[in-house]
Structures are given as structure tokens and as C-alpha cells.
Amino acid sequence: MAAYIIALVDVTDPERYAEYVKATPTVIARFDGRFIARAGRTATLEGPAETRRVVLIEFPSFERAEAFYRSEEYERAKKLRSGAATATLVLVEGCAPQA
């Protein structure tokens, strides 16, 4: 069953953050992940206004998403983000297809 990482990112140094943005697609792909949404247009429909960058990444399973996040490759990419942004990442398992 698919799983998703939802990232809410407050970018404080766009130039440094750009290096992180360049590094992540290859690592995500190694774990069979793919971007569903990557900082496109957003609208807060309910609750406090969301002003952070919103990213949604799909993985084939919860386990693959966890393996990506805990990988040495992503640890290296996260270092590029350090000092350039603060982030909240949430991993959520998808729903079984409805019959």
C-alpha cells in the first residue's frame, strides 16, 4: 500500500535551500519514490493560513518511505537543508483502494 511523506518547509535561505532541492530527487527515486506535489500553488481551506512550502512524496510502501528517510544518502541531503530551512515531515500510510 502506498505511503506519503508530507513536508512543510519554512525556507530561510533560498540559495542554500536550492542545493537541497537539487539533491533530493535522485535519493527519492532510489527508494521508488516520486513527487506528487512540490511547492506548487496552495490555498488554506480551513484553519490557520499555511505559508510554508508544501511537498508531497509518494512511496510504494510505508517501509520504503522510512528506509528513504533513514538512509545515508538522505542524511547527506538533509545536511544541505540545515541552516537553510526548518521542516516538518509527516509519514502517512495511504488507504486501500475502495471497491
N, C-alpha and C. Protein backbone atom coordinates (compact mmCIF):
# COMPACT_ATOMS: atom_id res chain seq x y z
N MET A 1 0.84 -1.18 0.00
CA MET A 1 0.00 0.00 0.00
C MET A 1 0.89 1.24 0.00
N ALA A 2 0.56 2.21 -0.79
CA ALA A 2 1.36 3.43 -0.91
C ALA A 2 1.41 4.18 0.42
N ALA A 3 2.46 4.96 0.57
CA ALA A 3 2.62 5.83 1.73
C ALA A 3 3.14 7.17 1.23
N TYR A 4 2.93 8.19 2.03
CA TYR A 4 3.24 9.55 1.61
C TYR A 4 4.02 10.29 2.68
N ILE A 5 5.02 11.03 2.25
CA ILE A 5 5.67 11.98 3.13
C ILE A 5 5.14 13.35 2.77
N ILE A 6 4.61 14.02 3.78
CA ILE A 6 4.13 15.39 3.63
C ILE A 6 5.17 16.27 4.31
N ALA A 7 5.74 17.19 3.57
CA ALA A 7 6.75 18.09 4.11
C ALA A 7 6.22 19.51 4.10
N LEU A 8 6.36 20.18 5.22
CA LEU A 8 6.01 21.59 5.36
C LEU A 8 7.31 22.30 5.71
N VAL A 9 7.75 23.17 4.82
CA VAL A 9 9.10 23.71 4.90
C VAL A 9 9.07 25.24 4.93
N ASP A 10 9.77 25.79 5.91
CA ASP A 10 9.95 27.24 6.00
C ASP A 10 11.37 27.54 5.53
N VAL A 11 11.47 28.04 4.34
CA VAL A 11 12.78 28.32 3.73
C VAL A 11 13.29 29.67 4.24
N THR A 12 14.49 29.66 4.82
CA THR A 12 15.08 30.88 5.35
C THR A 12 16.26 31.38 4.52
N ASP A 13 16.84 30.48 3.72
CA ASP A 13 17.96 30.84 2.85
C ASP A 13 17.74 30.16 1.50
N PRO A 14 17.03 30.83 0.58
CA PRO A 14 16.68 30.19 -0.70
C PRO A 14 17.86 29.68 -1.51
N GLU A 15 18.97 30.39 -1.50
CA GLU A 15 20.13 29.95 -2.28
C GLU A 15 20.69 28.64 -1.74
N ARG A 16 20.84 28.54 -0.44
CA ARG A 16 21.34 27.29 0.16
C ARG A 16 20.31 26.18 0.03
N TYR A 17 19.04 26.52 0.17
CA TYR A 17 17.98 25.52 0.06
C TYR A 17 17.93 24.92 -1.35
N ALA A 18 18.28 25.70 -2.33
CA ALA A 18 18.29 25.22 -3.72
C ALA A 18 19.22 24.02 -3.89
N GLU A 19 20.30 23.97 -3.12
CA GLU A 19 21.21 22.81 -3.18
C GLU A 19 20.51 21.55 -2.67
N TYR A 20 19.73 21.68 -1.63
CA TYR A 20 18.95 20.56 -1.10
C TYR A 20 17.92 20.10 -2.13
N VAL A 21 17.25 21.05 -2.76
CA VAL A 21 16.24 20.74 -3.77
C VAL A 21 16.86 19.95 -4.92
N LYS A 22 18.09 20.29 -5.30
CA LYS A 22 18.78 19.57 -6.38
C LYS A 22 19.16 18.16 -5.97
N ALA A 23 19.49 17.97 -4.70
CA ALA A 23 20.00 16.68 -4.23
C ALA A 23 18.92 15.64 -3.97
N THR A 24 17.72 16.05 -3.65
CA THR A 24 16.71 15.08 -3.19
C THR A 24 16.08 14.20 -4.27
N PRO A 25 15.83 14.64 -5.50
CA PRO A 25 15.14 13.77 -6.46
C PRO A 25 15.83 12.42 -6.69
N THR A 26 17.15 12.43 -6.79
CA THR A 26 17.88 11.19 -7.04
C THR A 26 17.72 10.22 -5.86
N VAL A 27 17.81 10.75 -4.66
CA VAL A 27 17.68 9.90 -3.47
C VAL A 27 16.26 9.35 -3.38
N ILE A 28 15.28 10.18 -3.60
CA ILE A 28 13.88 9.74 -3.56
C ILE A 28 13.65 8.64 -4.58
N ALA A 29 14.16 8.81 -5.77
CA ALA A 29 13.98 7.81 -6.83
C ALA A 29 14.63 6.47 -6.47
N ARG A 30 15.75 6.50 -5.76
CA ARG A 30 16.41 5.26 -5.35
C ARG A 30 15.53 4.40 -4.45
N PHE A 31 14.59 5.04 -3.77
CA PHE A 31 13.67 4.33 -2.88
C PHE A 31 12.28 4.22 -3.50
N ASP A 32 12.23 4.33 -4.83
CA ASP A 32 10.99 4.18 -5.60
C ASP A 32 9.95 5.24 -5.27
N GLY A 33 10.42 6.40 -4.82
CA GLY A 33 9.51 7.49 -4.53
C GLY A 33 9.35 8.42 -5.71
N ARG A 34 8.29 9.22 -5.64
CA ARG A 34 8.06 10.24 -6.68
C ARG A 34 7.30 11.41 -6.09
N PHE A 35 7.63 12.58 -6.61
CA PHE A 35 6.94 13.79 -6.16
C PHE A 35 5.51 13.79 -6.71
N ILE A 36 4.56 14.06 -5.85
CA ILE A 36 3.16 14.27 -6.25
C ILE A 36 2.91 15.78 -6.34
N ALA A 37 3.42 16.51 -5.37
CA ALA A 37 3.33 17.98 -5.36
C ALA A 37 4.64 18.50 -4.80
N ARG A 38 5.12 19.57 -5.41
CA ARG A 38 6.41 20.12 -4.96
C ARG A 38 6.36 21.64 -5.04
N ALA A 39 5.80 22.23 -3.99
CA ALA A 39 5.78 23.69 -3.83
C ALA A 39 4.98 24.40 -4.90
N GLY A 40 3.92 23.77 -5.38
CA GLY A 40 3.03 24.45 -6.31
C GLY A 40 2.11 25.41 -5.57
N ARG A 41 1.14 25.87 -6.26
CA ARG A 41 0.18 26.81 -5.69
C ARG A 41 -0.60 26.13 -4.57
N THR A 42 -0.83 26.84 -3.46
CA THR A 42 -1.59 26.31 -2.34
C THR A 42 -2.66 27.30 -1.92
N ALA A 43 -3.67 26.79 -1.22
CA ALA A 43 -4.70 27.62 -0.62
C ALA A 43 -5.12 26.95 0.68
N THR A 44 -5.10 27.68 1.76
CA THR A 44 -5.56 27.15 3.03
C THR A 44 -7.08 27.19 3.02
N LEU A 45 -7.70 26.04 3.14
CA LEU A 45 -9.17 25.97 3.08
C LEU A 45 -9.82 26.03 4.46
N GLU A 46 -9.05 25.68 5.47
CA GLU A 46 -9.58 25.69 6.84
C GLU A 46 -8.42 25.79 7.80
N GLY A 47 -8.60 26.49 8.89
CA GLY A 47 -7.54 26.62 9.89
C GLY A 47 -6.61 27.78 9.59
N PRO A 48 -5.53 27.87 10.39
CA PRO A 48 -4.58 28.97 10.19
C PRO A 48 -3.94 28.90 8.80
N ALA A 49 -3.65 30.04 8.25
CA ALA A 49 -3.04 30.10 6.91
C ALA A 49 -1.71 29.36 6.90
N GLU A 50 -1.54 28.48 5.92
CA GLU A 50 -0.29 27.74 5.75
C GLU A 50 0.59 28.52 4.79
N THR A 51 1.71 28.98 5.29
CA THR A 51 2.61 29.81 4.48
C THR A 51 3.89 29.06 4.09
N ARG A 52 4.05 27.85 4.61
CA ARG A 52 5.27 27.10 4.31
C ARG A 52 5.17 26.42 2.94
N ARG A 53 6.32 26.06 2.41
CA ARG A 53 6.41 25.27 1.18
C ARG A 53 5.82 23.89 1.49
N VAL A 54 4.95 23.39 0.62
CA VAL A 54 4.29 22.10 0.84
C VAL A 54 4.77 21.13 -0.24
N VAL A 55 5.24 19.96 0.22
CA VAL A 55 5.74 18.93 -0.69
C VAL A 55 5.06 17.61 -0.32
N LEU A 56 4.64 16.87 -1.33
CA LEU A 56 4.03 15.55 -1.13
C LEU A 56 4.78 14.54 -1.97
N ILE A 57 5.30 13.50 -1.30
CA ILE A 57 6.09 12.48 -1.98
C ILE A 57 5.44 11.12 -1.75
N GLU A 58 5.25 10.38 -2.84
CA GLU A 58 4.64 9.05 -2.75
C GLU A 58 5.71 7.97 -2.81
N PHE A 59 5.56 6.96 -1.96
CA PHE A 59 6.42 5.77 -1.97
C PHE A 59 5.53 4.55 -2.08
N PRO A 60 6.06 3.43 -2.57
CA PRO A 60 5.22 2.24 -2.74
C PRO A 60 4.76 1.62 -1.41
N SER A 61 5.46 1.94 -0.32
CA SER A 61 5.05 1.39 0.99
C SER A 61 5.58 2.30 2.10
N PHE A 62 5.01 2.11 3.27
CA PHE A 62 5.45 2.82 4.46
C PHE A 62 6.92 2.50 4.73
N GLU A 63 7.27 1.24 4.56
CA GLU A 63 8.64 0.79 4.83
C GLU A 63 9.66 1.43 3.89
N ARG A 64 9.30 1.56 2.60
CA ARG A 64 10.22 2.20 1.65
C ARG A 64 10.41 3.68 2.00
N ALA A 65 9.34 4.33 2.43
CA ALA A 65 9.44 5.74 2.82
C ALA A 65 10.34 5.89 4.04
N GLU A 66 10.17 5.01 5.01
CA GLU A 66 11.04 5.06 6.20
C GLU A 66 12.49 4.79 5.83
N ALA A 67 12.70 3.82 4.95
CA ALA A 67 14.06 3.49 4.51
C ALA A 67 14.70 4.69 3.83
N PHE A 68 13.95 5.40 3.00
CA PHE A 68 14.44 6.62 2.37
C PHE A 68 14.88 7.62 3.43
N TYR A 69 13.98 7.90 4.38
CA TYR A 69 14.26 8.93 5.38
C TYR A 69 15.47 8.59 6.23
N ARG A 70 15.67 7.34 6.53
CA ARG A 70 16.76 6.90 7.40
C ARG A 70 18.05 6.57 6.65
N SER A 71 18.04 6.71 5.33
CA SER A 71 19.20 6.33 4.51
C SER A 71 20.37 7.30 4.68
N GLU A 72 21.57 6.78 4.45
CA GLU A 72 22.76 7.63 4.47
C GLU A 72 22.69 8.71 3.41
N GLU A 73 22.13 8.35 2.25
CA GLU A 73 22.03 9.33 1.16
C GLU A 73 21.17 10.53 1.55
N TYR A 74 20.04 10.25 2.22
CA TYR A 74 19.18 11.36 2.62
C TYR A 74 19.80 12.13 3.79
N GLU A 75 20.52 11.45 4.66
CA GLU A 75 21.23 12.14 5.74
C GLU A 75 22.16 13.20 5.16
N ARG A 76 22.86 12.85 4.08
CA ARG A 76 23.74 13.82 3.43
C ARG A 76 22.94 14.99 2.84
N ALA A 77 21.80 14.68 2.21
CA ALA A 77 20.96 15.74 1.64
C ALA A 77 20.42 16.65 2.73
N LYS A 78 20.01 16.07 3.86
CA LYS A 78 19.47 16.88 4.96
C LYS A 78 20.49 17.90 5.46
N LYS A 79 21.75 17.55 5.41
CA LYS A 79 22.79 18.50 5.84
C LYS A 79 22.78 19.75 4.97
N LEU A 80 22.40 19.62 3.71
CA LEU A 80 22.30 20.77 2.82
C LEU A 80 21.14 21.68 3.23
N ARG A 81 20.13 21.10 3.84
CA ARG A 81 18.95 21.87 4.29
C ARG A 81 19.22 22.59 5.60
N SER A 82 20.13 22.04 6.40
CA SER A 82 20.43 22.60 7.71
C SER A 82 20.87 24.05 7.59
N GLY A 83 20.20 24.91 8.33
CA GLY A 83 20.53 26.34 8.29
C GLY A 83 19.88 27.08 7.14
N ALA A 84 19.28 26.36 6.20
CA ALA A 84 18.62 26.99 5.06
C ALA A 84 17.10 26.92 5.17
N ALA A 85 16.61 26.02 6.04
CA ALA A 85 15.17 25.84 6.19
C ALA A 85 14.89 25.03 7.44
N THR A 86 13.68 25.19 7.96
CA THR A 86 13.19 24.30 9.01
C THR A 86 12.02 23.55 8.40
N ALA A 87 11.86 22.29 8.80
CA ALA A 87 10.85 21.46 8.15
C ALA A 87 10.14 20.56 9.15
N THR A 88 8.89 20.27 8.84
CA THR A 88 8.12 19.23 9.49
C THR A 88 7.82 18.20 8.42
N LEU A 89 8.21 16.94 8.67
CA LEU A 89 7.91 15.86 7.73
C LEU A 89 7.03 14.85 8.44
N VAL A 90 5.94 14.49 7.80
CA VAL A 90 5.00 13.53 8.35
C VAL A 90 4.86 12.38 7.35
N LEU A 91 4.96 11.15 7.85
CA LEU A 91 4.77 9.96 7.02
C LEU A 91 3.41 9.39 7.33
N VAL A 92 2.62 9.17 6.28
CA VAL A 92 1.26 8.64 6.45
C VAL A 92 1.03 7.53 5.43
N GLU A 93 0.42 6.46 5.90
CA GLU A 93 0.09 5.34 5.01
C GLU A 93 -1.18 5.67 4.25
N GLY A 94 -1.21 5.30 2.98
CA GLY A 94 -2.38 5.55 2.15
C GLY A 94 -3.53 4.59 2.49
N CYS A 95 -4.65 4.83 1.88
CA CYS A 95 -5.84 4.00 2.07
C CYS A 95 -5.86 2.89 1.03
N ALA A 96 -6.45 1.79 1.40
CA ALA A 96 -6.67 0.71 0.44
C ALA A 96 -7.68 1.20 -0.60
N PRO A 97 -7.52 0.80 -1.85
CA PRO A 97 -8.47 1.21 -2.89
C PRO A 97 -9.90 0.79 -2.50
N GLN A 98 -10.82 1.67 -2.77
CA GLN A 98 -12.22 1.39 -2.47
C GLN A 98 -12.83 0.57 -3.60
N ALA A 99 -13.59 -0.43 -3.24
CA ALA A 99 -14.25 -1.28 -4.24
C ALA A 99 -15.55 -0.66 -4.70
